[in-house]
Amino acid sequence: MSSFLPTILLGFSALAAAAAPAQQPATSYQPGSVDFEQTAGWAILSGGRHKPLDSYARELIVQISGRKVTQLDGVHALEMVWGYALSPEDFLARPYVRVDNDDLKLLIGVDKGERRFAFNTLAASAELSRIANEGYRKEEADEGPTPVERDAMRVWNKLGAIDQLRSGASLTLFPILGPSGEWASPASLAKDSQGPGSEALGVYGRLRSAFRAGDRAAFASAATELGAALRALSPAAYPDPGDLELELKYNRWDTFGKASWLFLLGFVLILVFARAQNRLGYALGLGSVIVGFAGQTVGIGMRWAIAGRAPVSDMYESLVFMGWGVIAIGLVLELVYRKGYFGMVAGALGFLALAFARWLPPSMMDSSISPLMPVLRNTSWLSIHVMTIMLSYSAFFLAMGMGHVVMFKQLYQPGRTNQLKTLTALLYKTIQVGVLFLAAGIAFGAIWANESWGRYWGWDPKETWSAITFFIYLAVIHARYAGWIHQYGLAVCSVISFMFVLFTYYGVNYVLGAGLHAYGRGSGGMVYVIGYLLAELAVILLGWWRYQVAIRTGQIAKPVLD
């Protein structure tokens, strides 16, 4: 069935709810009134997989707030889920839904100075409904919605998620299997008062009353009883408690966030103390990077166990893995050569990779764990291919960072010729490592493509740009080997060549959005990427001008093959 009709029906439902006379709840729920944490480990079947209710809540608050947060106005994500489900009269009036587009706000008649609005306010806007549905119509017809229509669609999707929770339709907590293997929700159980889940539904009613009254003891008692009742409904269908607990720990430990700060700390310590030849400070900096790397490895391992697959299936996971690869390669080279540069650069880039994964908008970087598409399942070549490709990107990312170091040394410390030769040699080897991984990744991808689609190569946009990137770096290696480029030239090439990596990784998914690899695409981020490209071009042009001036004034000798 088309997605357009359900959207219209949702619009009628939401508008009807919003158009009803405003009801003031008997009591306004206060954050922390009940111990909602004891429901965090309940299983819910949502998004194609079993997950703790805590994960469902975190995904919901990110969706409606448009930011990767775990609470709004002191209300925790899990608390918000129960608020919309158990006390909708109160929570539908709270300003939790984020709207960023000022043009859209002007059209629907809300305050441009505000960022978040109540469900009731937005659902009452007939203009928002009209704009969103026009966007859905254009998307179905492949006409391309306007930016305002796309933002209206995003807002309407947020309202739809809240509306489904308000009605109880999306709170699929009851392991009573439906025709398609789905679990039951309070809304579906309410249709059959004598069904197998009727007793559990009665306990759910007591949970609602306790929440609305802010009765902590009654809520705890009902939650304890309902938690046991849910598992007893179908013990065979209910997930293993250990699996649910693992995901709860993954959510709460936030290993990627902690690792990012350790990488930043390591970068600063090595930058400060390696130059001063302070061995203790250098050791502390390198130790900080190593501890962060261990934490990130644990996080990747936990996500792998939770998803049941290698965590490299979307933009968020691949960026986290690329950051891990940068640290891994950088640490190996640092421990071998002990120069400080690889540890410093790896720490900075590892921090940036995790910071982008964490802080870029959810439309670009969705951190939720999702099942693979059917065509991608049951093939180990997918994991091997993607991880190898991402390791090549990690090496090129590290080479780009090292290229900046070589440029700085060449322009501002030209007298350290031996150090420059060493750094240039290490930069060259890093690029070679990246080319080796990229060649292997393309070969593994061809094998996977043959398994999945029956052909080794099909000139898909991602395949084509991977080949272009491979030959660009191969040309850089050849130019350096032949003596066509020297120390500064190799550094510049490492930066320019990474722009092709960026387009292969980001541009194919977010700009082109086409081809068999488009399952990982997202939207947004163009401003960030263009800003980065312009900044790099400015640095290169300024550096090249400074380089030519230094040669003419004798500060730097005319380059020879080194």
Protein backbone atom coordinates (compact mmCIF):
# COMPACT_ATOMS: atom_id res chain seq x y z
CA MET A 1 0.00 0.00 0.00
CA SER A 2 1.26 3.51 -0.68
CA SER A 3 2.57 5.55 2.21
CA PHE A 4 0.44 8.52 1.16
CA LEU A 5 -2.94 7.16 2.29
CA PRO A 6 -1.81 6.20 5.82
CA THR A 7 -0.31 9.67 6.12
CA ILE A 8 -3.65 11.29 5.37
CA LEU A 9 -5.39 8.99 7.84
CA LEU A 10 -2.84 9.87 10.49
CA GLY A 11 -3.47 13.51 9.73
CA PHE A 12 -7.21 13.10 10.32
CA SER A 13 -6.53 11.23 13.58
CA ALA A 14 -4.08 13.81 14.88
CA LEU A 15 -6.20 16.77 13.85
CA ALA A 16 -9.28 15.24 15.47
CA ALA A 17 -7.37 14.76 18.70
CA ALA A 18 -5.99 18.28 18.61
CA ALA A 19 -9.32 19.85 17.68
CA ALA A 20 -11.03 18.34 20.72
CA PRO A 21 -11.63 20.71 23.64
CA ALA A 22 -8.46 21.19 25.64
CA GLN A 23 -8.41 18.98 28.72
CA GLN A 24 -6.36 19.93 31.74
CA PRO A 25 -5.04 16.88 33.57
CA ALA A 26 -6.05 16.51 37.18
CA THR A 27 -2.36 16.65 38.12
CA SER A 28 0.64 17.65 36.07
CA TYR A 29 3.27 14.92 36.21
CA GLN A 30 6.53 16.01 37.80
CA PRO A 31 9.85 14.51 36.60
CA GLY A 32 11.08 11.72 38.87
CA SER A 33 7.69 11.12 40.50
CA VAL A 34 7.90 7.39 39.76
CA ASP A 35 10.76 4.89 39.41
CA PHE A 36 10.52 4.43 35.64
CA GLU A 37 14.00 2.85 35.52
CA GLN A 38 12.64 -0.50 36.64
CA THR A 39 10.83 -0.76 33.28
CA ALA A 40 14.00 -0.05 31.25
CA GLY A 41 14.78 -3.73 30.68
CA TRP A 42 11.34 -4.74 29.45
CA ALA A 43 11.48 -6.11 25.92
CA ILE A 44 9.65 -4.43 23.05
CA LEU A 45 9.43 -5.57 19.43
CA SER A 46 10.05 -2.42 17.42
CA GLY A 47 11.94 -1.51 14.28
CA GLY A 48 12.24 -5.15 13.24
CA ARG A 49 14.02 -6.38 16.35
CA HIS A 50 13.62 -7.09 20.06
CA LYS A 51 15.17 -4.39 22.22
CA PRO A 52 14.93 -3.02 25.76
CA LEU A 53 12.28 -0.38 26.30
CA ASP A 54 15.19 1.92 27.21
CA SER A 55 16.52 1.71 23.62
CA TYR A 56 13.07 2.36 22.18
CA ALA A 57 12.75 5.44 24.40
CA ARG A 58 16.16 6.79 23.45
CA GLU A 59 15.34 6.42 19.76
CA LEU A 60 12.01 8.18 20.23
CA ILE A 61 13.44 11.19 22.06
CA VAL A 62 16.12 11.59 19.37
CA GLN A 63 13.46 11.43 16.66
CA ILE A 64 11.12 14.02 18.16
CA SER A 65 13.80 16.35 19.53
CA GLY A 66 16.02 16.16 16.44
CA ARG A 67 19.05 15.93 18.72
CA LYS A 68 21.00 13.06 20.29
CA VAL A 69 19.87 13.64 23.86
CA THR A 70 18.55 11.39 26.60
CA GLN A 71 16.30 13.93 28.32
CA LEU A 72 14.35 17.11 27.69
CA ASP A 73 13.44 19.65 30.37
CA GLY A 74 14.52 17.20 33.05
CA VAL A 75 12.31 14.41 31.67
CA HIS A 76 14.23 11.24 30.78
CA ALA A 77 13.51 9.49 27.48
CA LEU A 78 11.91 6.49 29.21
CA GLU A 79 9.86 8.80 31.40
CA MET A 80 8.68 10.59 28.25
CA VAL A 81 7.51 7.34 26.67
CA TRP A 82 5.40 6.55 29.71
CA GLY A 83 4.14 10.12 29.80
CA TYR A 84 2.83 10.01 26.23
CA ALA A 85 1.42 6.51 26.75
CA LEU A 86 -0.07 6.85 30.24
CA SER A 87 -0.78 10.57 30.67
CA PRO A 88 -1.20 11.96 27.14
CA GLU A 89 -3.39 14.92 28.20
CA ASP A 90 -0.39 16.30 30.05
CA PHE A 91 2.47 15.35 27.73
CA LEU A 92 0.80 16.28 24.43
CA ALA A 93 0.77 19.86 25.69
CA ARG A 94 4.52 19.89 26.43
CA PRO A 95 6.93 21.51 23.92
CA TYR A 96 9.11 18.54 22.95
CA VAL A 97 8.82 18.42 19.12
CA ARG A 98 11.65 20.29 17.43
CA VAL A 99 11.09 22.36 14.27
CA ASP A 100 14.18 24.02 12.76
CA ASN A 101 12.97 25.43 9.45
CA ASP A 102 12.04 29.11 9.92
CA ASP A 103 10.14 29.23 6.62
CA LEU A 104 8.01 26.30 7.74
CA LYS A 105 7.35 27.95 11.09
CA LEU A 106 6.22 31.10 9.29
CA LEU A 107 3.85 29.13 7.07
CA ILE A 108 2.21 27.21 9.92
CA GLY A 109 1.95 30.31 12.12
CA VAL A 110 4.19 29.50 15.07
CA ASP A 111 6.85 31.62 16.78
CA LYS A 112 10.08 31.69 14.74
CA GLY A 113 12.04 32.31 17.91
CA GLU A 114 11.05 28.96 19.40
CA ARG A 115 12.68 25.62 18.57
CA ARG A 116 10.34 23.13 20.24
CA PHE A 117 6.57 22.94 20.19
CA ALA A 118 3.80 20.85 21.70
CA PHE A 119 2.17 18.04 19.77
CA ASN A 120 -1.24 19.74 20.19
CA THR A 121 0.05 22.97 18.65
CA LEU A 122 1.53 21.31 15.56
CA ALA A 123 -1.22 18.72 15.06
CA ALA A 124 -3.81 21.53 14.99
CA SER A 125 -2.10 23.15 11.99
CA ALA A 126 -4.00 22.31 8.81
CA GLU A 127 -1.23 24.02 6.82
CA LEU A 128 1.41 21.68 8.25
CA SER A 129 -0.74 18.72 7.25
CA ARG A 130 -1.21 20.11 3.74
CA ILE A 131 2.51 20.81 3.21
CA ALA A 132 3.57 17.42 4.57
CA ASN A 133 1.07 15.49 2.48
CA GLU A 134 2.11 17.40 -0.63
CA GLY A 135 5.67 16.36 0.13
CA TYR A 136 4.64 12.71 0.48
CA ARG A 137 2.77 12.94 -2.83
CA LYS A 138 5.81 14.33 -4.61
CA GLU A 139 8.10 11.72 -3.05
CA GLU A 140 5.85 8.91 -4.30
CA ALA A 141 5.76 10.45 -7.75
CA ASP A 142 9.58 10.92 -7.74
CA GLU A 143 9.09 14.65 -8.22
CA GLY A 144 11.33 15.69 -5.33
CA PRO A 145 9.79 17.58 -2.38
CA THR A 146 11.00 21.10 -1.63
CA PRO A 147 13.19 21.71 1.46
CA VAL A 148 10.18 23.09 3.34
CA GLU A 149 8.09 20.07 2.38
CA ARG A 150 10.86 17.71 3.49
CA ASP A 151 11.05 19.41 6.87
CA ALA A 152 7.26 19.30 7.16
CA MET A 153 7.40 15.57 6.44
CA ARG A 154 9.97 15.10 9.20
CA VAL A 155 7.77 16.99 11.66
CA TRP A 156 4.72 15.01 10.57
CA ASN A 157 6.63 11.76 11.11
CA LYS A 158 7.45 12.92 14.64
CA LEU A 159 3.78 13.63 15.28
CA GLY A 160 2.92 10.21 13.88
CA ALA A 161 5.32 8.49 16.28
CA ILE A 162 3.82 10.35 19.22
CA ASP A 163 0.27 9.66 18.03
CA GLN A 164 1.00 5.93 17.80
CA LEU A 165 2.42 5.98 21.32
CA ARG A 166 -0.47 8.03 22.66
CA SER A 167 -2.95 5.53 21.31
CA GLY A 168 -0.90 2.60 22.62
CA ALA A 169 -0.50 1.13 19.12
CA SER A 170 3.31 1.29 19.03
CA LEU A 171 3.93 0.07 22.59
CA THR A 172 4.29 -3.56 21.52
CA LEU A 173 5.34 -4.99 24.88
CA PHE A 174 3.10 -8.06 25.01
CA PRO A 175 4.70 -11.22 23.48
CA ILE A 176 1.45 -12.47 21.98
CA LEU A 177 2.32 -13.26 18.38
CA GLY A 178 0.15 -11.88 15.59
CA PRO A 179 -0.20 -13.21 12.02
CA SER A 180 3.10 -11.63 10.91
CA GLY A 181 4.98 -12.43 14.10
CA GLU A 182 4.31 -9.00 15.61
CA TRP A 183 3.76 -8.53 19.33
CA ALA A 184 0.57 -7.13 20.81
CA SER A 185 0.12 -3.61 22.15
CA PRO A 186 -2.32 -2.21 24.74
CA ALA A 187 -4.42 -0.89 21.85
CA SER A 188 -4.69 -4.30 20.16
CA LEU A 189 -5.34 -6.17 23.44
CA ALA A 190 -8.13 -3.77 24.38
CA LYS A 191 -10.16 -5.11 21.43
CA ASP A 192 -10.43 -8.55 23.08
CA SER A 193 -11.28 -8.33 26.77
CA GLN A 194 -11.15 -12.11 27.17
CA GLY A 195 -7.91 -12.70 25.24
CA PRO A 196 -4.70 -14.24 26.61
CA GLY A 197 -3.28 -10.88 27.60
CA SER A 198 -6.31 -9.58 29.45
CA GLU A 199 -4.80 -10.03 32.92
CA ALA A 200 -1.57 -8.31 31.91
CA LEU A 201 -3.62 -5.52 30.36
CA GLY A 202 -5.40 -5.08 33.69
CA VAL A 203 -2.03 -4.63 35.42
CA TYR A 204 -1.10 -2.14 32.70
CA GLY A 205 -4.21 -0.18 33.66
CA ARG A 206 -3.02 -0.02 37.28
CA LEU A 207 0.38 1.16 36.02
CA ARG A 208 -1.38 3.97 34.19
CA SER A 209 -3.34 5.04 37.25
CA ALA A 210 -0.23 5.04 39.42
CA PHE A 211 1.73 7.11 36.88
CA ARG A 212 -1.02 9.68 36.50
CA ALA A 213 -1.28 10.03 40.26
CA GLY A 214 2.48 10.18 40.71
CA ASP A 215 2.18 7.33 43.21
CA ARG A 216 5.72 5.96 43.41
CA ALA A 217 4.90 2.89 45.51
CA ALA A 218 1.87 1.89 43.43
CA PHE A 219 3.84 2.33 40.20
CA ALA A 220 6.68 0.18 41.51
CA SER A 221 4.26 -2.55 42.59
CA ALA A 222 2.40 -2.55 39.25
CA ALA A 223 5.69 -2.47 37.28
CA THR A 224 7.05 -5.47 39.19
CA GLU A 225 3.85 -7.42 38.54
CA LEU A 226 3.60 -6.41 34.89
CA GLY A 227 7.25 -7.21 34.19
CA ALA A 228 6.74 -10.77 35.42
CA ALA A 229 3.42 -11.07 33.57
CA LEU A 230 4.94 -10.02 30.25
CA ARG A 231 7.61 -12.71 30.41
CA ALA A 232 5.09 -15.32 31.54
CA LEU A 233 2.87 -14.66 28.51
CA SER A 234 5.38 -16.36 26.20
CA PRO A 235 8.72 -17.35 27.79
CA ALA A 236 9.93 -18.89 24.51
CA ALA A 237 9.32 -15.69 22.52
CA TYR A 238 10.77 -13.37 25.15
CA PRO A 239 14.43 -12.34 24.66
CA ASP A 240 17.11 -13.66 26.97
CA PRO A 241 17.59 -11.38 30.02
CA GLY A 242 21.33 -11.37 29.37
CA ASP A 243 20.81 -9.94 25.89
CA LEU A 244 18.57 -7.18 27.22
CA GLU A 245 21.03 -6.40 30.02
CA LEU A 246 23.91 -6.19 27.52
CA GLU A 247 22.06 -3.55 25.51
CA LEU A 248 21.19 -1.63 28.67
CA LYS A 249 24.89 -1.53 29.57
CA TYR A 250 25.76 -0.44 26.03
CA ASN A 251 23.27 2.45 26.35
CA ARG A 252 24.41 3.56 29.78
CA TRP A 253 28.17 3.14 29.51
CA ASP A 254 28.41 5.39 26.43
CA THR A 255 31.84 3.98 25.60
CA PHE A 256 32.12 5.97 22.37
CA GLY A 257 31.48 9.26 24.13
CA LYS A 258 34.04 8.54 26.85
CA ALA A 259 36.57 7.31 24.28
CA SER A 260 36.25 10.53 22.28
CA TRP A 261 37.25 12.65 25.29
CA LEU A 262 40.16 10.34 26.08
CA PHE A 263 41.36 10.74 22.48
CA LEU A 264 41.15 14.52 22.78
CA LEU A 265 43.04 14.43 26.08
CA GLY A 266 45.72 12.20 24.56
CA PHE A 267 46.10 14.55 21.59
CA VAL A 268 46.60 17.58 23.85
CA LEU A 269 49.05 15.81 26.16
CA ILE A 270 51.20 14.47 23.31
CA LEU A 271 51.11 17.84 21.54
CA VAL A 272 52.30 19.63 24.66
CA PHE A 273 54.75 17.17 26.15
CA ALA A 274 56.24 15.43 23.09
CA ARG A 275 57.63 18.77 21.89
CA ALA A 276 59.11 19.36 25.33
CA GLN A 277 60.55 15.83 25.30
CA ASN A 278 58.75 15.11 28.57
CA ARG A 279 58.59 11.32 28.67
CA LEU A 280 56.03 11.15 31.47
CA GLY A 281 53.66 13.56 29.74
CA TYR A 282 54.10 11.72 26.45
CA ALA A 283 53.41 8.38 28.16
CA LEU A 284 50.27 9.78 29.81
CA GLY A 285 49.03 11.11 26.45
CA LEU A 286 49.69 7.86 24.65
CA GLY A 287 48.12 5.95 27.55
CA SER A 288 44.99 8.09 27.29
CA VAL A 289 44.68 7.23 23.58
CA ILE A 290 45.24 3.52 24.33
CA VAL A 291 42.59 3.47 27.08
CA GLY A 292 40.14 5.27 24.80
CA PHE A 293 40.88 2.76 22.06
CA ALA A 294 40.19 -0.11 24.47
CA GLY A 295 36.87 1.49 25.44
CA GLN A 296 35.89 2.04 21.81
CA THR A 297 36.78 -1.59 21.04
CA VAL A 298 34.53 -2.74 23.88
CA GLY A 299 31.70 -0.56 22.54
CA ILE A 300 32.07 -1.94 19.01
CA GLY A 301 32.14 -5.48 20.40
CA MET A 302 28.97 -4.87 22.43
CA ARG A 303 27.17 -3.37 19.44
CA TRP A 304 28.29 -6.35 17.33
CA ALA A 305 26.86 -8.80 19.89
CA ILE A 306 23.60 -6.85 20.19
CA ALA A 307 23.03 -6.54 16.43
CA GLY A 308 24.28 -10.05 15.62
CA ARG A 309 26.34 -8.64 12.75
CA ALA A 310 29.42 -6.54 12.17
CA PRO A 311 28.54 -2.95 13.15
CA VAL A 312 29.39 -1.37 9.79
CA SER A 313 26.01 -1.35 8.05
CA ASP A 314 25.18 2.37 8.06
CA MET A 315 26.85 5.78 8.12
CA TYR A 316 26.99 6.03 11.91
CA GLU A 317 28.52 2.60 12.41
CA SER A 318 30.98 2.98 9.55
CA LEU A 319 32.18 6.36 10.87
CA VAL A 320 32.70 4.90 14.34
CA PHE A 321 34.62 2.00 12.79
CA MET A 322 36.69 4.38 10.66
CA GLY A 323 37.64 6.27 13.82
CA TRP A 324 38.60 2.97 15.42
CA GLY A 325 40.76 2.14 12.39
CA VAL A 326 42.52 5.50 12.55
CA ILE A 327 43.47 4.88 16.18
CA ALA A 328 44.50 1.26 15.49
CA ILE A 329 46.78 2.14 12.57
CA GLY A 330 48.10 5.24 14.30
CA LEU A 331 48.92 3.36 17.51
CA VAL A 332 50.75 0.60 15.63
CA LEU A 333 52.90 3.15 13.79
CA GLU A 334 53.42 5.20 16.95
CA LEU A 335 54.52 2.20 19.00
CA VAL A 336 56.93 1.22 16.21
CA TYR A 337 58.51 4.63 15.55
CA ARG A 338 57.90 6.50 18.85
CA LYS A 339 57.93 9.93 17.21
CA GLY A 340 54.77 11.30 18.84
CA TYR A 341 53.23 12.42 15.56
CA PHE A 342 51.14 9.35 14.83
CA GLY A 343 49.79 9.22 18.39
CA MET A 344 48.96 12.91 18.30
CA VAL A 345 47.29 12.87 14.88
CA ALA A 346 45.43 9.62 15.60
CA GLY A 347 44.08 11.06 18.86
CA ALA A 348 42.83 14.20 17.11
CA LEU A 349 41.22 12.31 14.22
CA GLY A 350 39.72 9.63 16.48
CA PHE A 351 38.10 12.39 18.51
CA LEU A 352 36.75 14.08 15.37
CA ALA A 353 35.29 10.84 13.97
CA LEU A 354 33.43 10.06 17.21
CA ALA A 355 32.39 13.69 17.68
CA PHE A 356 30.86 13.79 14.19
CA ALA A 357 29.12 10.46 14.80
CA ARG A 358 27.72 11.78 18.06
CA TRP A 359 26.79 15.37 17.24
CA LEU A 360 25.79 15.45 13.59
CA PRO A 361 21.98 15.57 13.23
CA PRO A 362 20.09 12.24 13.38
CA SER A 363 19.01 12.73 9.75
CA MET A 364 22.70 12.28 8.87
CA MET A 365 23.88 9.92 11.61
CA ASP A 366 21.18 7.62 12.98
CA SER A 367 22.78 5.80 15.92
CA SER A 368 19.94 3.31 16.43
CA ILE A 369 20.66 -0.38 15.84
CA SER A 370 18.67 -1.70 12.89
CA PRO A 371 18.39 -5.09 11.17
CA LEU A 372 20.06 -5.53 7.80
CA MET A 373 18.11 -5.47 4.57
CA PRO A 374 17.35 -9.03 3.35
CA VAL A 375 19.83 -8.81 0.46
CA LEU A 376 22.62 -8.04 2.91
CA ARG A 377 21.96 -10.87 5.34
CA ASN A 378 23.68 -14.22 5.62
CA THR A 379 26.86 -13.23 3.81
CA SER A 380 30.18 -12.86 5.59
CA TRP A 381 31.60 -11.08 2.54
CA LEU A 382 29.61 -7.96 3.43
CA SER A 383 31.38 -7.59 6.76
CA ILE A 384 34.78 -8.39 5.28
CA HIS A 385 34.25 -5.98 2.37
CA VAL A 386 32.98 -3.03 4.41
CA MET A 387 35.50 -3.38 7.23
CA THR A 388 38.38 -3.59 4.75
CA ILE A 389 37.13 -0.54 2.86
CA MET A 390 36.72 1.40 6.10
CA LEU A 391 40.26 0.50 7.17
CA SER A 392 41.48 1.96 3.87
CA TYR A 393 39.53 5.14 4.63
CA SER A 394 41.10 5.12 8.11
CA ALA A 395 44.59 4.96 6.61
CA PHE A 396 43.78 7.77 4.15
CA PHE A 397 42.26 9.81 7.01
CA LEU A 398 45.46 9.34 9.01
CA ALA A 399 47.55 10.24 5.93
CA MET A 400 45.52 13.42 5.52
CA GLY A 401 46.25 14.35 9.14
CA MET A 402 49.94 13.54 8.73
CA GLY A 403 49.94 15.59 5.53
CA HIS A 404 49.01 18.66 7.54
CA VAL A 405 51.88 17.96 9.93
CA VAL A 406 54.36 17.67 7.03
CA MET A 407 53.04 20.91 5.50
CA PHE A 408 53.45 22.71 8.81
CA LYS A 409 56.96 21.36 9.32
CA GLN A 410 58.01 22.21 5.77
CA LEU A 411 56.72 25.78 6.00
CA TYR A 412 57.59 26.73 9.57
CA GLN A 413 60.43 24.38 10.57
CA PRO A 414 62.28 23.88 7.26
CA GLY A 415 65.63 23.39 8.93
CA ARG A 416 64.68 20.00 10.37
CA THR A 417 65.48 18.13 7.19
CA ASN A 418 66.02 14.72 8.77
CA GLN A 419 62.70 14.96 10.61
CA LEU A 420 60.96 16.01 7.39
CA LYS A 421 62.43 13.06 5.53
CA THR A 422 61.25 10.68 8.24
CA LEU A 423 57.75 12.17 8.33
CA THR A 424 57.49 12.10 4.54
CA ALA A 425 58.57 8.45 4.45
CA LEU A 426 55.96 7.57 7.09
CA LEU A 427 53.29 9.51 5.22
CA TYR A 428 54.17 7.62 2.04
CA LYS A 429 53.92 4.27 3.85
CA THR A 430 50.55 5.25 5.34
CA ILE A 431 49.19 5.99 1.86
CA GLN A 432 50.52 2.64 0.66
CA VAL A 433 48.71 0.88 3.50
CA GLY A 434 45.49 2.64 2.51
CA VAL A 435 45.88 1.63 -1.14
CA LEU A 436 46.48 -1.98 -0.12
CA PHE A 437 43.34 -2.06 2.02
CA LEU A 438 41.29 -0.31 -0.69
CA ALA A 439 42.38 -2.76 -3.38
CA ALA A 440 41.50 -5.70 -1.12
CA GLY A 441 38.17 -4.08 -0.17
CA ILE A 442 37.19 -3.59 -3.83
CA ALA A 443 38.06 -7.22 -4.56
CA PHE A 444 36.03 -8.45 -1.57
CA GLY A 445 33.17 -6.19 -2.67
CA ALA A 446 33.19 -7.81 -6.12
CA ILE A 447 32.87 -11.24 -4.52
CA TRP A 448 30.01 -10.02 -2.33
CA ALA A 449 28.30 -8.38 -5.32
CA ASN A 450 28.43 -11.65 -7.22
CA GLU A 451 26.84 -13.46 -4.27
CA SER A 452 24.13 -10.84 -3.77
CA TRP A 453 23.38 -9.59 -7.29
CA GLY A 454 24.98 -12.13 -9.62
CA ARG A 455 27.68 -9.87 -11.06
CA TYR A 456 31.15 -8.83 -9.95
CA TRP A 457 31.04 -5.28 -11.27
CA GLY A 458 28.15 -3.12 -12.41
CA TRP A 459 29.44 0.46 -12.49
CA ASP A 460 27.30 1.32 -9.51
CA PRO A 461 28.11 4.88 -8.29
CA LYS A 462 29.85 3.61 -5.16
CA GLU A 463 31.86 1.07 -7.17
CA THR A 464 32.82 3.70 -9.72
CA TRP A 465 33.95 6.26 -7.17
CA SER A 466 35.87 3.60 -5.22
CA ALA A 467 37.79 2.82 -8.41
CA ILE A 468 38.38 6.53 -9.05
CA THR A 469 39.72 6.95 -5.52
CA PHE A 470 41.96 3.91 -5.91
CA PHE A 471 43.54 5.26 -9.10
CA ILE A 472 43.94 8.74 -7.60
CA TYR A 473 46.01 7.35 -4.74
CA LEU A 474 47.84 5.00 -7.09
CA ALA A 475 48.83 8.06 -9.13
CA VAL A 476 50.09 9.78 -5.96
CA ILE A 477 52.25 6.76 -5.10
CA HIS A 478 53.63 6.64 -8.63
CA ALA A 479 54.31 10.40 -8.71
CA ARG A 480 56.24 10.19 -5.46
CA TYR A 481 58.18 7.12 -6.59
CA ALA A 482 59.06 8.79 -9.91
CA GLY A 483 60.18 11.99 -8.19
CA TRP A 484 57.44 14.18 -9.67
CA ILE A 485 56.34 15.32 -6.21
CA HIS A 486 58.48 15.87 -3.12
CA GLN A 487 57.88 16.39 0.57
CA TYR A 488 55.46 19.30 0.40
CA GLY A 489 53.84 18.01 -2.79
CA LEU A 490 53.14 14.61 -1.20
CA ALA A 491 51.59 16.31 1.82
CA VAL A 492 49.32 18.41 -0.40
CA CYS A 493 48.35 15.35 -2.44
CA SER A 494 47.42 13.45 0.73
CA VAL A 495 44.98 16.24 1.58
CA ILE A 496 43.53 16.66 -1.91
CA SER A 497 43.20 12.91 -2.45
CA PHE A 498 41.20 12.60 0.78
CA MET A 499 38.55 14.81 -0.82
CA PHE A 500 37.87 11.92 -3.23
CA VAL A 501 37.54 9.59 -0.25
CA LEU A 502 35.07 12.04 1.25
CA PHE A 503 32.97 12.07 -1.91
CA THR A 504 33.05 8.28 -2.21
CA TYR A 505 32.03 7.91 1.44
CA TYR A 506 29.69 10.87 1.86
CA GLY A 507 28.83 12.19 -1.59
CA VAL A 508 27.55 8.96 -3.13
CA ASN A 509 25.18 8.40 -0.20
CA TYR A 510 24.13 11.95 0.60
CA VAL A 511 24.53 13.85 -2.69
CA LEU A 512 23.90 11.27 -5.42
CA GLY A 513 21.67 9.03 -3.27
CA ALA A 514 21.49 6.48 -6.07
CA GLY A 515 22.63 2.97 -6.84
CA LEU A 516 22.62 -0.33 -5.02
CA HIS A 517 24.64 1.16 -2.16
CA ALA A 518 22.03 3.86 -1.48
CA TYR A 519 20.55 1.84 1.42
CA GLY A 520 23.00 3.67 3.68
CA ARG A 521 22.11 7.14 2.49
CA GLY A 522 20.92 9.97 4.66
CA SER A 523 20.33 13.65 4.22
CA GLY A 524 21.89 16.91 5.29
CA GLY A 525 25.42 17.85 6.18
CA MET A 526 26.22 19.60 2.92
CA VAL A 527 27.14 22.80 4.75
CA TYR A 528 29.66 20.94 6.92
CA VAL A 529 31.28 19.20 3.96
CA ILE A 530 31.46 22.32 1.79
CA GLY A 531 32.89 24.24 4.74
CA TYR A 532 35.58 21.59 5.20
CA LEU A 533 36.46 21.58 1.48
CA LEU A 534 36.72 25.36 1.32
CA ALA A 535 38.87 25.46 4.46
CA GLU A 536 41.22 22.81 3.07
CA LEU A 537 41.50 24.61 -0.26
CA ALA A 538 42.30 27.85 1.56
CA VAL A 539 44.98 26.09 3.64
CA ILE A 540 46.51 24.50 0.53
CA LEU A 541 46.56 27.73 -1.47
CA LEU A 542 47.96 29.74 1.43
CA GLY A 543 50.54 27.06 2.11
CA TRP A 544 51.56 26.82 -1.54
CA TRP A 545 52.02 30.60 -1.70
CA ARG A 546 54.08 30.48 1.52
CA TYR A 547 56.08 27.55 0.09
CA GLN A 548 56.97 29.42 -3.11
CA VAL A 549 57.96 32.52 -1.13
CA ALA A 550 60.16 30.38 1.15
CA ILE A 551 61.92 28.86 -1.89
CA ARG A 552 62.53 32.29 -3.50
CA THR A 553 63.88 33.75 -0.27
CA GLY A 554 66.13 30.77 0.42
CA GLN A 555 64.30 29.63 3.57
CA ILE A 556 63.65 26.29 1.87
CA ALA A 557 66.01 24.68 -0.62
CA LYS A 558 64.67 23.92 -4.07
CA PRO A 559 63.14 20.45 -3.77
CA VAL A 560 65.07 17.43 -4.94
CA LEU A 561 64.10 13.79 -4.77
CA ASP A 562 64.28 12.87 -1.09
